[in-house]
Amino acid sequence: MTPERQAKIERVLNHRQPDLAIVMENVHDPHNISAVMRTCDAVGVQNIYVLNNAIKKHKKFGKTSSASAAGWMTIHQYEDTDACMKAIKSKYSKIYATHLGVASKSLYDLELTESVALVFGNEHAGVTEECLAWCDGNFIIPQVGMVQSLNISVACAVTLYEAFRQRHAAGYFNAPRMLGDERTSLEARWGLIEE
């Protein structure tokens, strides 16, 4: 490994946000999943939860849209909502879902510097009621157009960059936040250390 490559990997690890995750529920198009992964990598999200209990499990994700981001992510795949959400609840303090409901908050009113998992539903039906029951709240992305929805990868990108903005302002990218076993495991997986 070249010194430049090692420095880049260390820089990426130093910016990973262990307390921010994305959950995609029953997303049909693997290219949407891959586009989300690319955005996750760009803003320091390491953990992605892919919950598929209504569609065929994705065996791979679109390489062209992810720019190989999938290889740098930790992807947790589930086929059972309860098992997936229990795993998320055990790791993150809050779970918020994109959902247009009476009690939904604006994305810009969420506190995204706390430990949080953000849930995005499929392209047609959104987040299921079963999944919403596990969430601490819902949010919407403010819009002023006729069509009140965005493609999942776009909605996720807008949301993650708001999280990035809040975390950057709070100094979360000034020092490494991913430490311990999770970091050591990634260092080994990415070739920085020998297992």
N, C-alpha and C. Protein backbone atom coordinates (compact mmCIF):
# COMPACT_ATOMS: atom_id res chain seq x y z
N MET A 1 0.84 -1.18 0.00
CA MET A 1 0.00 0.00 0.00
C MET A 1 0.89 1.25 0.00
N THR A 2 0.56 2.18 -0.86
CA THR A 2 1.36 3.41 -0.94
C THR A 2 1.06 4.29 0.27
N PRO A 3 1.99 5.15 0.65
CA PRO A 3 1.73 6.08 1.75
C PRO A 3 0.52 6.98 1.49
N GLU A 4 0.32 7.35 0.22
CA GLU A 4 -0.82 8.20 -0.13
C GLU A 4 -2.15 7.47 0.10
N ARG A 5 -2.17 6.20 -0.29
CA ARG A 5 -3.37 5.38 -0.10
C ARG A 5 -3.65 5.19 1.40
N GLN A 6 -2.61 4.90 2.16
CA GLN A 6 -2.76 4.73 3.60
C GLN A 6 -3.29 6.02 4.24
N ALA A 7 -2.73 7.16 3.84
CA ALA A 7 -3.18 8.44 4.40
C ALA A 7 -4.64 8.71 4.07
N LYS A 8 -5.05 8.36 2.84
CA LYS A 8 -6.45 8.58 2.45
C LYS A 8 -7.38 7.70 3.28
N ILE A 9 -7.03 6.44 3.46
CA ILE A 9 -7.87 5.53 4.25
C ILE A 9 -7.97 6.02 5.70
N GLU A 10 -6.85 6.44 6.26
CA GLU A 10 -6.87 6.96 7.64
C GLU A 10 -7.73 8.22 7.74
N ARG A 11 -7.66 9.08 6.73
CA ARG A 11 -8.47 10.30 6.72
C ARG A 11 -9.96 9.95 6.68
N VAL A 12 -10.31 8.97 5.85
CA VAL A 12 -11.70 8.54 5.76
C VAL A 12 -12.17 7.99 7.11
N LEU A 13 -11.38 7.12 7.71
CA LEU A 13 -11.74 6.55 9.02
C LEU A 13 -11.89 7.63 10.08
N ASN A 14 -11.03 8.63 10.03
CA ASN A 14 -11.08 9.72 11.01
C ASN A 14 -12.36 10.55 10.89
N HIS A 15 -13.03 10.48 9.74
CA HIS A 15 -14.25 11.26 9.55
C HIS A 15 -15.53 10.43 9.64
N ARG A 16 -15.41 9.12 9.84
CA ARG A 16 -16.59 8.29 9.94
C ARG A 16 -17.39 8.66 11.18
N GLN A 17 -18.72 8.61 11.03
CA GLN A 17 -19.66 8.98 12.09
C GLN A 17 -20.35 7.70 12.60
N PRO A 18 -19.85 7.11 13.68
CA PRO A 18 -20.40 5.82 14.13
C PRO A 18 -21.81 5.91 14.70
N ASP A 19 -22.28 7.12 14.97
CA ASP A 19 -23.61 7.28 15.57
C ASP A 19 -24.64 7.87 14.60
N LEU A 20 -24.40 7.65 13.30
CA LEU A 20 -25.33 8.08 12.26
C LEU A 20 -25.46 6.95 11.25
N ALA A 21 -26.69 6.51 11.01
CA ALA A 21 -26.91 5.38 10.09
C ALA A 21 -28.11 5.64 9.21
N ILE A 22 -28.15 4.93 8.10
CA ILE A 22 -29.26 4.98 7.16
C ILE A 22 -29.93 3.61 7.11
N VAL A 23 -31.26 3.63 7.05
CA VAL A 23 -32.05 2.41 6.91
C VAL A 23 -32.89 2.56 5.64
N MET A 24 -32.83 1.56 4.76
CA MET A 24 -33.66 1.56 3.55
C MET A 24 -34.59 0.36 3.63
N GLU A 25 -35.90 0.64 3.62
CA GLU A 25 -36.89 -0.42 3.75
C GLU A 25 -37.53 -0.72 2.39
N ASN A 26 -37.35 -1.94 1.93
CA ASN A 26 -37.98 -2.45 0.70
C ASN A 26 -37.77 -1.55 -0.52
N VAL A 27 -36.57 -1.04 -0.65
CA VAL A 27 -36.24 -0.22 -1.83
C VAL A 27 -36.09 -1.17 -3.02
N HIS A 28 -36.84 -0.92 -4.07
CA HIS A 28 -36.88 -1.83 -5.22
C HIS A 28 -35.65 -1.75 -6.11
N ASP A 29 -35.23 -0.56 -6.42
CA ASP A 29 -34.18 -0.36 -7.42
C ASP A 29 -32.79 -0.42 -6.78
N PRO A 30 -31.98 -1.42 -7.12
CA PRO A 30 -30.64 -1.49 -6.54
C PRO A 30 -29.77 -0.28 -6.87
N HIS A 31 -30.10 0.41 -7.96
CA HIS A 31 -29.34 1.64 -8.28
C HIS A 31 -29.63 2.74 -7.27
N ASN A 32 -30.86 2.79 -6.76
CA ASN A 32 -31.17 3.75 -5.69
C ASN A 32 -30.37 3.43 -4.44
N ILE A 33 -30.29 2.15 -4.11
CA ILE A 33 -29.50 1.74 -2.94
C ILE A 33 -28.04 2.14 -3.13
N SER A 34 -27.50 1.90 -4.31
CA SER A 34 -26.11 2.24 -4.58
C SER A 34 -25.86 3.73 -4.53
N ALA A 35 -26.82 4.52 -5.03
CA ALA A 35 -26.67 5.98 -4.97
C ALA A 35 -26.68 6.46 -3.53
N VAL A 36 -27.52 5.85 -2.69
CA VAL A 36 -27.53 6.19 -1.26
C VAL A 36 -26.18 5.85 -0.63
N MET A 37 -25.64 4.69 -0.98
CA MET A 37 -24.34 4.29 -0.44
C MET A 37 -23.25 5.31 -0.79
N ARG A 38 -23.29 5.80 -1.99
CA ARG A 38 -22.28 6.78 -2.42
C ARG A 38 -22.38 8.05 -1.58
N THR A 39 -23.61 8.50 -1.31
CA THR A 39 -23.80 9.68 -0.47
C THR A 39 -23.36 9.40 0.96
N CYS A 40 -23.71 8.22 1.47
CA CYS A 40 -23.28 7.84 2.83
C CYS A 40 -21.77 7.93 2.97
N ASP A 41 -21.06 7.36 2.00
CA ASP A 41 -19.60 7.40 2.03
C ASP A 41 -19.11 8.85 2.03
N ALA A 42 -19.75 9.69 1.23
CA ALA A 42 -19.31 11.08 1.09
C ALA A 42 -19.42 11.88 2.38
N VAL A 43 -20.39 11.55 3.24
CA VAL A 43 -20.60 12.33 4.46
C VAL A 43 -20.15 11.59 5.72
N GLY A 44 -19.53 10.42 5.57
CA GLY A 44 -18.97 9.73 6.72
C GLY A 44 -19.85 8.70 7.39
N VAL A 45 -20.95 8.30 6.76
CA VAL A 45 -21.79 7.24 7.33
C VAL A 45 -21.17 5.89 6.98
N GLN A 46 -20.99 5.04 7.97
CA GLN A 46 -20.41 3.72 7.75
C GLN A 46 -21.46 2.62 7.67
N ASN A 47 -22.48 2.71 8.52
CA ASN A 47 -23.46 1.62 8.65
C ASN A 47 -24.75 1.91 7.89
N ILE A 48 -25.09 0.96 7.03
CA ILE A 48 -26.33 1.03 6.25
C ILE A 48 -27.11 -0.24 6.51
N TYR A 49 -28.40 -0.07 6.81
CA TYR A 49 -29.29 -1.20 7.05
C TYR A 49 -30.23 -1.32 5.85
N VAL A 50 -30.21 -2.47 5.20
CA VAL A 50 -31.07 -2.73 4.05
C VAL A 50 -32.09 -3.78 4.49
N LEU A 51 -33.33 -3.32 4.67
CA LEU A 51 -34.42 -4.19 5.12
C LEU A 51 -35.30 -4.54 3.93
N ASN A 52 -35.32 -5.80 3.56
CA ASN A 52 -36.15 -6.28 2.45
C ASN A 52 -37.01 -7.43 2.95
N ASN A 53 -38.27 -7.15 3.24
CA ASN A 53 -39.18 -8.23 3.62
C ASN A 53 -40.37 -8.33 2.68
N ALA A 54 -40.38 -7.50 1.64
CA ALA A 54 -41.50 -7.54 0.70
C ALA A 54 -41.03 -7.75 -0.74
N ILE A 55 -39.73 -7.70 -0.95
CA ILE A 55 -39.19 -7.88 -2.30
C ILE A 55 -38.02 -8.86 -2.24
N LYS A 56 -37.60 -9.30 -3.40
CA LYS A 56 -36.47 -10.21 -3.48
C LYS A 56 -35.21 -9.54 -2.94
N LYS A 57 -34.44 -10.29 -2.15
CA LYS A 57 -33.21 -9.76 -1.56
C LYS A 57 -32.21 -9.40 -2.66
N HIS A 58 -31.61 -8.23 -2.52
CA HIS A 58 -30.62 -7.79 -3.49
C HIS A 58 -29.32 -8.55 -3.28
N LYS A 59 -28.81 -9.16 -4.33
CA LYS A 59 -27.55 -9.89 -4.22
C LYS A 59 -26.36 -8.97 -4.39
N LYS A 60 -26.53 -7.94 -5.20
CA LYS A 60 -25.46 -6.97 -5.38
C LYS A 60 -26.09 -5.63 -5.70
N PHE A 61 -25.28 -4.61 -5.64
CA PHE A 61 -25.77 -3.27 -5.88
C PHE A 61 -25.09 -2.71 -7.11
N GLY A 62 -25.74 -1.77 -7.78
CA GLY A 62 -25.23 -1.23 -9.03
C GLY A 62 -23.87 -0.57 -8.89
N LYS A 63 -22.86 -1.15 -9.49
CA LYS A 63 -21.50 -0.63 -9.36
C LYS A 63 -21.35 0.75 -10.00
N THR A 64 -22.07 0.99 -11.08
CA THR A 64 -21.89 2.26 -11.76
C THR A 64 -22.40 3.44 -10.94
N SER A 65 -23.50 3.27 -10.23
CA SER A 65 -24.03 4.39 -9.46
C SER A 65 -23.38 4.52 -8.09
N SER A 66 -22.80 3.46 -7.57
CA SER A 66 -22.20 3.56 -6.24
C SER A 66 -20.74 3.95 -6.28
N ALA A 67 -20.12 3.92 -7.48
CA ALA A 67 -18.69 4.20 -7.62
C ALA A 67 -17.90 3.36 -6.63
N SER A 68 -18.31 2.10 -6.48
CA SER A 68 -17.68 1.13 -5.58
C SER A 68 -17.80 1.49 -4.11
N ALA A 69 -18.73 2.37 -3.75
CA ALA A 69 -18.91 2.75 -2.35
C ALA A 69 -19.30 1.57 -1.48
N ALA A 70 -20.01 0.59 -2.05
CA ALA A 70 -20.46 -0.56 -1.26
C ALA A 70 -19.30 -1.28 -0.60
N GLY A 71 -18.14 -1.29 -1.24
CA GLY A 71 -16.97 -1.95 -0.67
C GLY A 71 -16.41 -1.26 0.56
N TRP A 72 -16.79 -0.01 0.77
CA TRP A 72 -16.28 0.76 1.91
C TRP A 72 -17.33 0.91 3.00
N MET A 73 -18.51 0.34 2.80
CA MET A 73 -19.60 0.45 3.76
C MET A 73 -19.73 -0.84 4.57
N THR A 74 -20.39 -0.74 5.70
CA THR A 74 -20.80 -1.92 6.45
C THR A 74 -22.30 -2.04 6.21
N ILE A 75 -22.68 -3.07 5.45
CA ILE A 75 -24.07 -3.24 5.04
C ILE A 75 -24.70 -4.37 5.84
N HIS A 76 -25.75 -4.03 6.54
CA HIS A 76 -26.49 -5.00 7.35
C HIS A 76 -27.78 -5.31 6.60
N GLN A 77 -27.97 -6.55 6.15
CA GLN A 77 -29.18 -6.92 5.41
C GLN A 77 -30.11 -7.73 6.30
N TYR A 78 -31.38 -7.36 6.28
CA TYR A 78 -32.40 -8.04 7.09
C TYR A 78 -33.61 -8.34 6.23
N GLU A 79 -34.32 -9.41 6.61
CA GLU A 79 -35.58 -9.75 5.98
C GLU A 79 -36.73 -9.67 6.98
N ASP A 80 -36.44 -9.37 8.23
CA ASP A 80 -37.45 -9.29 9.29
C ASP A 80 -37.39 -7.90 9.92
N THR A 81 -38.52 -7.19 9.91
CA THR A 81 -38.57 -5.82 10.42
C THR A 81 -38.19 -5.75 11.89
N ASP A 82 -38.79 -6.62 12.71
CA ASP A 82 -38.51 -6.57 14.15
C ASP A 82 -37.04 -6.81 14.45
N ALA A 83 -36.43 -7.79 13.80
CA ALA A 83 -35.01 -8.08 14.03
C ALA A 83 -34.14 -6.89 13.62
N CYS A 84 -34.47 -6.29 12.48
CA CYS A 84 -33.71 -5.14 12.00
C CYS A 84 -33.83 -3.96 12.96
N MET A 85 -35.06 -3.64 13.33
CA MET A 85 -35.27 -2.46 14.17
C MET A 85 -34.76 -2.66 15.60
N LYS A 86 -34.81 -3.89 16.10
CA LYS A 86 -34.21 -4.17 17.42
C LYS A 86 -32.71 -3.93 17.37
N ALA A 87 -32.06 -4.36 16.30
CA ALA A 87 -30.61 -4.15 16.15
C ALA A 87 -30.30 -2.66 16.10
N ILE A 88 -31.12 -1.91 15.41
CA ILE A 88 -30.91 -0.46 15.30
C ILE A 88 -31.15 0.22 16.65
N LYS A 89 -32.24 -0.16 17.32
CA LYS A 89 -32.55 0.43 18.64
C LYS A 89 -31.43 0.19 19.64
N SER A 90 -30.75 -0.96 19.51
CA SER A 90 -29.69 -1.28 20.47
C SER A 90 -28.44 -0.43 20.23
N LYS A 91 -28.32 0.17 19.06
CA LYS A 91 -27.11 0.92 18.72
C LYS A 91 -27.31 2.43 18.65
N TYR A 92 -28.52 2.88 18.31
CA TYR A 92 -28.77 4.31 18.11
C TYR A 92 -29.85 4.81 19.07
N SER A 93 -29.69 6.05 19.54
CA SER A 93 -30.63 6.60 20.53
C SER A 93 -31.98 6.95 19.93
N LYS A 94 -31.98 7.42 18.69
CA LYS A 94 -33.22 7.85 18.04
C LYS A 94 -33.33 7.23 16.65
N ILE A 95 -34.59 7.01 16.23
CA ILE A 95 -34.88 6.56 14.87
C ILE A 95 -35.94 7.50 14.31
N TYR A 96 -35.63 8.13 13.18
CA TYR A 96 -36.59 9.01 12.51
C TYR A 96 -36.83 8.49 11.10
N ALA A 97 -38.10 8.55 10.68
CA ALA A 97 -38.47 8.08 9.35
C ALA A 97 -38.99 9.22 8.49
N THR A 98 -38.68 9.15 7.19
CA THR A 98 -39.31 10.07 6.26
C THR A 98 -40.74 9.61 6.07
N HIS A 99 -41.67 10.46 6.48
CA HIS A 99 -43.08 10.07 6.41
C HIS A 99 -43.93 11.32 6.53
N LEU A 100 -44.86 11.47 5.61
CA LEU A 100 -45.77 12.61 5.63
C LEU A 100 -46.94 12.28 6.55
N GLY A 101 -46.89 12.82 7.75
CA GLY A 101 -47.94 12.57 8.73
C GLY A 101 -48.25 13.84 9.49
N VAL A 102 -49.30 13.81 10.29
CA VAL A 102 -49.73 14.99 11.03
C VAL A 102 -48.63 15.49 11.97
N ALA A 103 -47.92 14.58 12.61
CA ALA A 103 -46.90 14.96 13.59
C ALA A 103 -45.50 15.08 12.99
N SER A 104 -45.39 15.00 11.68
CA SER A 104 -44.06 15.06 11.05
C SER A 104 -43.43 16.44 11.22
N LYS A 105 -42.14 16.43 11.53
CA LYS A 105 -41.36 17.66 11.67
C LYS A 105 -40.65 17.95 10.36
N SER A 106 -40.24 19.17 10.21
CA SER A 106 -39.35 19.52 9.11
C SER A 106 -37.99 18.90 9.36
N LEU A 107 -37.33 18.46 8.32
CA LEU A 107 -35.96 17.97 8.44
C LEU A 107 -35.09 18.96 9.20
N TYR A 108 -35.31 20.25 8.96
CA TYR A 108 -34.46 21.28 9.54
C TYR A 108 -34.74 21.55 11.01
N ASP A 109 -35.75 20.87 11.55
CA ASP A 109 -36.04 20.96 12.99
C ASP A 109 -35.50 19.75 13.76
N LEU A 110 -34.91 18.79 13.06
CA LEU A 110 -34.34 17.61 13.72
C LEU A 110 -32.96 17.92 14.28
N GLU A 111 -32.66 17.31 15.41
CA GLU A 111 -31.32 17.39 16.00
C GLU A 111 -30.54 16.18 15.48
N LEU A 112 -29.67 16.43 14.50
CA LEU A 112 -28.96 15.33 13.84
C LEU A 112 -27.53 15.17 14.33
N THR A 113 -27.22 15.81 15.45
CA THR A 113 -25.92 15.58 16.07
C THR A 113 -26.01 14.48 17.13
N GLU A 114 -27.22 14.05 17.44
CA GLU A 114 -27.38 12.95 18.40
C GLU A 114 -27.22 11.62 17.67
N SER A 115 -27.16 10.54 18.43
CA SER A 115 -27.07 9.20 17.86
C SER A 115 -28.40 8.89 17.18
N VAL A 116 -28.37 8.71 15.84
CA VAL A 116 -29.62 8.62 15.10
C VAL A 116 -29.51 7.72 13.88
N ALA A 117 -30.60 6.99 13.62
CA ALA A 117 -30.76 6.22 12.38
C ALA A 117 -31.93 6.84 11.63
N LEU A 118 -31.76 7.01 10.33
CA LEU A 118 -32.75 7.66 9.48
C LEU A 118 -33.32 6.65 8.50
N VAL A 119 -34.65 6.50 8.49
CA VAL A 119 -35.32 5.46 7.72
C VAL A 119 -35.96 6.06 6.46
N PHE A 120 -35.71 5.39 5.34
CA PHE A 120 -36.29 5.77 4.06
C PHE A 120 -37.04 4.57 3.50
N GLY A 121 -38.26 4.78 3.04
CA GLY A 121 -39.08 3.69 2.53
C GLY A 121 -38.92 3.49 1.04
N ASN A 122 -39.72 2.55 0.53
CA ASN A 122 -39.57 2.23 -0.89
C ASN A 122 -40.15 3.32 -1.78
N GLU A 123 -39.87 3.18 -3.06
CA GLU A 123 -40.18 4.21 -4.04
C GLU A 123 -41.67 4.48 -4.22
N HIS A 124 -42.52 3.52 -3.87
CA HIS A 124 -43.95 3.66 -4.14
C HIS A 124 -44.79 3.89 -2.89
N ALA A 125 -44.55 3.10 -1.85
CA ALA A 125 -45.41 3.14 -0.67
C ALA A 125 -44.78 3.84 0.53
N GLY A 126 -43.49 4.15 0.47
CA GLY A 126 -42.84 4.79 1.61
C GLY A 126 -42.54 3.80 2.72
N VAL A 127 -42.40 4.30 3.92
CA VAL A 127 -42.08 3.48 5.09
C VAL A 127 -43.36 2.79 5.56
N THR A 128 -43.27 1.49 5.89
CA THR A 128 -44.46 0.74 6.32
C THR A 128 -44.86 1.12 7.74
N GLU A 129 -46.13 0.85 8.06
CA GLU A 129 -46.63 1.11 9.42
C GLU A 129 -45.86 0.28 10.44
N GLU A 130 -45.50 -0.95 10.06
CA GLU A 130 -44.73 -1.83 10.96
C GLU A 130 -43.40 -1.19 11.35
N CYS A 131 -42.75 -0.61 10.39
CA CYS A 131 -41.47 0.05 10.64
C CYS A 131 -41.67 1.37 11.40
N LEU A 132 -42.69 2.13 11.02
CA LEU A 132 -42.98 3.41 11.69
C LEU A 132 -43.23 3.23 13.18
N ALA A 133 -43.78 2.08 13.56
CA ALA A 133 -44.07 1.82 14.98
C ALA A 133 -42.80 1.82 15.83
N TRP A 134 -41.65 1.56 15.22
CA TRP A 134 -40.38 1.54 15.93
C TRP A 134 -39.73 2.93 16.02
N CYS A 135 -40.25 3.88 15.28
CA CYS A 135 -39.58 5.17 15.15
C CYS A 135 -39.96 6.14 16.27
N ASP A 136 -39.03 7.03 16.58
CA ASP A 136 -39.26 8.05 17.60
C ASP A 136 -39.94 9.29 17.03
N GLY A 137 -40.00 9.38 15.71
CA GLY A 137 -40.65 10.51 15.07
C GLY A 137 -40.51 10.42 13.57
N ASN A 138 -41.23 11.30 12.89
CA ASN A 138 -41.20 11.36 11.43
C ASN A 138 -40.75 12.74 10.99
N PHE A 139 -40.21 12.80 9.78
CA PHE A 139 -39.81 14.10 9.24
C PHE A 139 -40.13 14.17 7.76
N ILE A 140 -40.24 15.39 7.30
CA ILE A 140 -40.43 15.66 5.88
C ILE A 140 -39.35 16.63 5.42
N ILE A 141 -39.09 16.61 4.13
CA ILE A 141 -38.20 17.59 3.52
C ILE A 141 -39.09 18.67 2.94
N PRO A 142 -38.99 19.90 3.44
CA PRO A 142 -39.87 20.97 2.95
C PRO A 142 -39.75 21.14 1.43
N GLN A 143 -40.90 21.26 0.78
CA GLN A 143 -40.96 21.44 -0.67
C GLN A 143 -42.07 22.41 -1.02
N VAL A 144 -41.94 23.08 -2.15
CA VAL A 144 -42.96 24.05 -2.56
C VAL A 144 -43.51 23.73 -3.95
N GLY A 145 -43.18 22.55 -4.49
CA GLY A 145 -43.66 22.17 -5.81
C GLY A 145 -44.99 21.44 -5.76
N MET A 146 -45.48 21.07 -6.92
CA MET A 146 -46.76 20.34 -7.02
C MET A 146 -46.63 18.90 -6.52
N VAL A 147 -45.51 18.26 -6.82
CA VAL A 147 -45.29 16.88 -6.41
C VAL A 147 -44.52 16.89 -5.09
N GLN A 148 -45.13 16.39 -4.04
CA GLN A 148 -44.52 16.44 -2.71
C GLN A 148 -43.72 15.18 -2.38
N SER A 149 -42.83 14.81 -3.29
CA SER A 149 -41.96 13.67 -3.00
C SER A 149 -40.68 13.80 -3.83
N LEU A 150 -39.65 13.15 -3.34
CA LEU A 150 -38.37 13.12 -4.03
C LEU A 150 -37.97 11.66 -4.20
N ASN A 151 -37.15 11.38 -5.20
CA ASN A 151 -36.56 10.05 -5.33
C ASN A 151 -35.83 9.74 -4.03
N ILE A 152 -35.85 8.48 -3.63
CA ILE A 152 -35.23 8.10 -2.35
C ILE A 152 -33.76 8.52 -2.27
N SER A 153 -33.02 8.37 -3.34
CA SER A 153 -31.59 8.72 -3.27
C SER A 153 -31.41 10.23 -3.11
N VAL A 154 -32.30 11.01 -3.71
CA VAL A 154 -32.23 12.47 -3.57
C VAL A 154 -32.65 12.87 -2.15
N ALA A 155 -33.75 12.28 -1.66
CA ALA A 155 -34.21 12.58 -0.30
C ALA A 155 -33.14 12.23 0.73
N CYS A 156 -32.49 11.11 0.52
CA CYS A 156 -31.43 10.70 1.44
C CYS A 156 -30.25 11.67 1.36
N ALA A 157 -29.89 12.09 0.17
CA ALA A 157 -28.78 13.03 0.01
C ALA A 157 -29.07 14.36 0.70
N VAL A 158 -30.27 14.89 0.50
CA VAL A 158 -30.65 16.15 1.15
C VAL A 158 -30.56 16.00 2.66
N THR A 159 -31.10 14.90 3.17
CA THR A 159 -31.12 14.65 4.62
C THR A 159 -29.71 14.48 5.17
N LEU A 160 -28.89 13.70 4.49
CA LEU A 160 -27.53 13.47 4.98
C LEU A 160 -26.68 14.73 4.95
N TYR A 161 -26.89 15.57 3.97
CA TYR A 161 -26.11 16.81 3.95
C TYR A 161 -26.57 17.80 5.02
N GLU A 162 -27.83 17.71 5.45
CA GLU A 162 -28.24 18.49 6.62
C GLU A 162 -27.57 17.93 7.87
N ALA A 163 -27.50 16.61 8.00
CA ALA A 163 -26.77 16.00 9.12
C ALA A 163 -25.30 16.40 9.08
N PHE A 164 -24.71 16.37 7.89
CA PHE A 164 -23.31 16.77 7.72
C PHE A 164 -23.12 18.22 8.16
N ARG A 165 -24.02 19.11 7.74
CA ARG A 165 -23.92 20.53 8.10
C ARG A 165 -23.95 20.70 9.62
N GLN A 166 -24.92 20.03 10.28
CA GLN A 166 -25.04 20.16 11.73
C GLN A 166 -23.81 19.59 12.43
N ARG A 167 -23.35 18.44 11.99
CA ARG A 167 -22.21 17.79 12.63
C ARG A 167 -20.91 18.55 12.37
N HIS A 168 -20.78 19.11 11.20
CA HIS A 168 -19.59 19.92 10.89
C HIS A 168 -19.55 21.16 11.79
N ALA A 169 -20.71 21.82 11.94
CA ALA A 169 -20.79 23.00 12.81
C ALA A 169 -20.48 22.65 14.26
N ALA A 170 -20.81 21.42 14.67
CA ALA A 170 -20.57 20.97 16.04
C ALA A 170 -19.14 20.44 16.24
N GLY A 171 -18.33 20.44 15.19
CA GLY A 171 -16.94 20.00 15.30
C GLY A 171 -16.75 18.49 15.23
N TYR A 172 -17.76 17.76 14.75
CA TYR A 172 -17.68 16.30 14.72
C TYR A 172 -16.64 15.75 13.75
N PHE A 173 -16.15 16.57 12.85
CA PHE A 173 -15.16 16.10 11.88
C PHE A 173 -13.75 16.57 12.24
N ASN A 174 -13.60 17.16 13.42
CA ASN A 174 -12.29 17.68 13.84
C ASN A 174 -11.39 16.63 14.47
N ALA A 175 -11.97 15.57 14.96
CA ALA A 175 -11.20 14.50 15.61
C ALA A 175 -11.91 13.17 15.35
N PRO A 176 -11.15 12.07 15.35
CA PRO A 176 -11.77 10.76 15.09
C PRO A 176 -12.87 10.44 16.11
N ARG A 177 -13.99 9.93 15.63
CA ARG A 177 -15.10 9.56 16.48
C ARG A 177 -15.33 8.06 16.48
N MET A 178 -14.87 7.38 15.44
CA MET A 178 -14.98 5.92 15.39
C MET A 178 -13.72 5.34 16.02
N LEU A 179 -13.90 4.69 17.15
CA LEU A 179 -12.77 4.15 17.91
C LEU A 179 -13.05 2.70 18.27
N GLY A 180 -12.11 2.05 18.90
CA GLY A 180 -12.33 0.71 19.43
C GLY A 180 -12.42 -0.36 18.37
N ASP A 181 -13.23 -1.39 18.70
CA ASP A 181 -13.33 -2.59 17.86
C ASP A 181 -13.83 -2.30 16.45
N GLU A 182 -14.80 -1.38 16.32
CA GLU A 182 -15.34 -1.09 14.99
C GLU A 182 -14.25 -0.52 14.08
N ARG A 183 -13.46 0.39 14.62
CA ARG A 183 -12.37 0.97 13.82
C ARG A 183 -11.31 -0.07 13.51
N THR A 184 -10.93 -0.87 14.49
CA THR A 184 -9.91 -1.90 14.29
C THR A 184 -10.36 -2.89 13.21
N SER A 185 -11.63 -3.26 13.25
CA SER A 185 -12.17 -4.18 12.25
C SER A 185 -12.08 -3.58 10.85
N LEU A 186 -12.41 -2.31 10.72
CA LEU A 186 -12.33 -1.65 9.41
C LEU A 186 -10.88 -1.49 8.96
N GLU A 187 -9.99 -1.18 9.89
CA GLU A 187 -8.57 -1.07 9.53
C GLU A 187 -8.05 -2.38 8.95
N ALA A 188 -8.49 -3.48 9.53
CA ALA A 188 -8.09 -4.80 9.03
C ALA A 188 -8.74 -5.07 7.67
N ARG A 189 -10.01 -4.79 7.57
CA ARG A 189 -10.74 -5.04 6.32
C ARG A 189 -10.20 -4.20 5.17
N TRP A 190 -9.78 -2.99 5.48
CA TRP A 190 -9.30 -2.07 4.45
C TRP A 190 -7.79 -2.17 4.22
N GLY A 191 -7.12 -3.08 4.93
CA GLY A 191 -5.72 -3.36 4.69
C GLY A 191 -4.71 -2.48 5.42
N LEU A 192 -5.16 -1.75 6.45
CA LEU A 192 -4.21 -0.92 7.20
C LEU A 192 -3.42 -1.74 8.21
N ILE A 193 -4.07 -2.77 8.76
CA ILE A 193 -3.40 -3.64 9.72
C ILE A 193 -3.70 -5.10 9.36
N GLU A 194 -2.90 -5.99 9.85
CA GLU A 194 -3.13 -7.41 9.63
C GLU A 194 -4.00 -7.95 10.75
N GLU A 195 -4.95 -8.81 10.39
CA GLU A 195 -5.83 -9.40 11.41
C GLU A 195 -5.10 -10.47 12.19
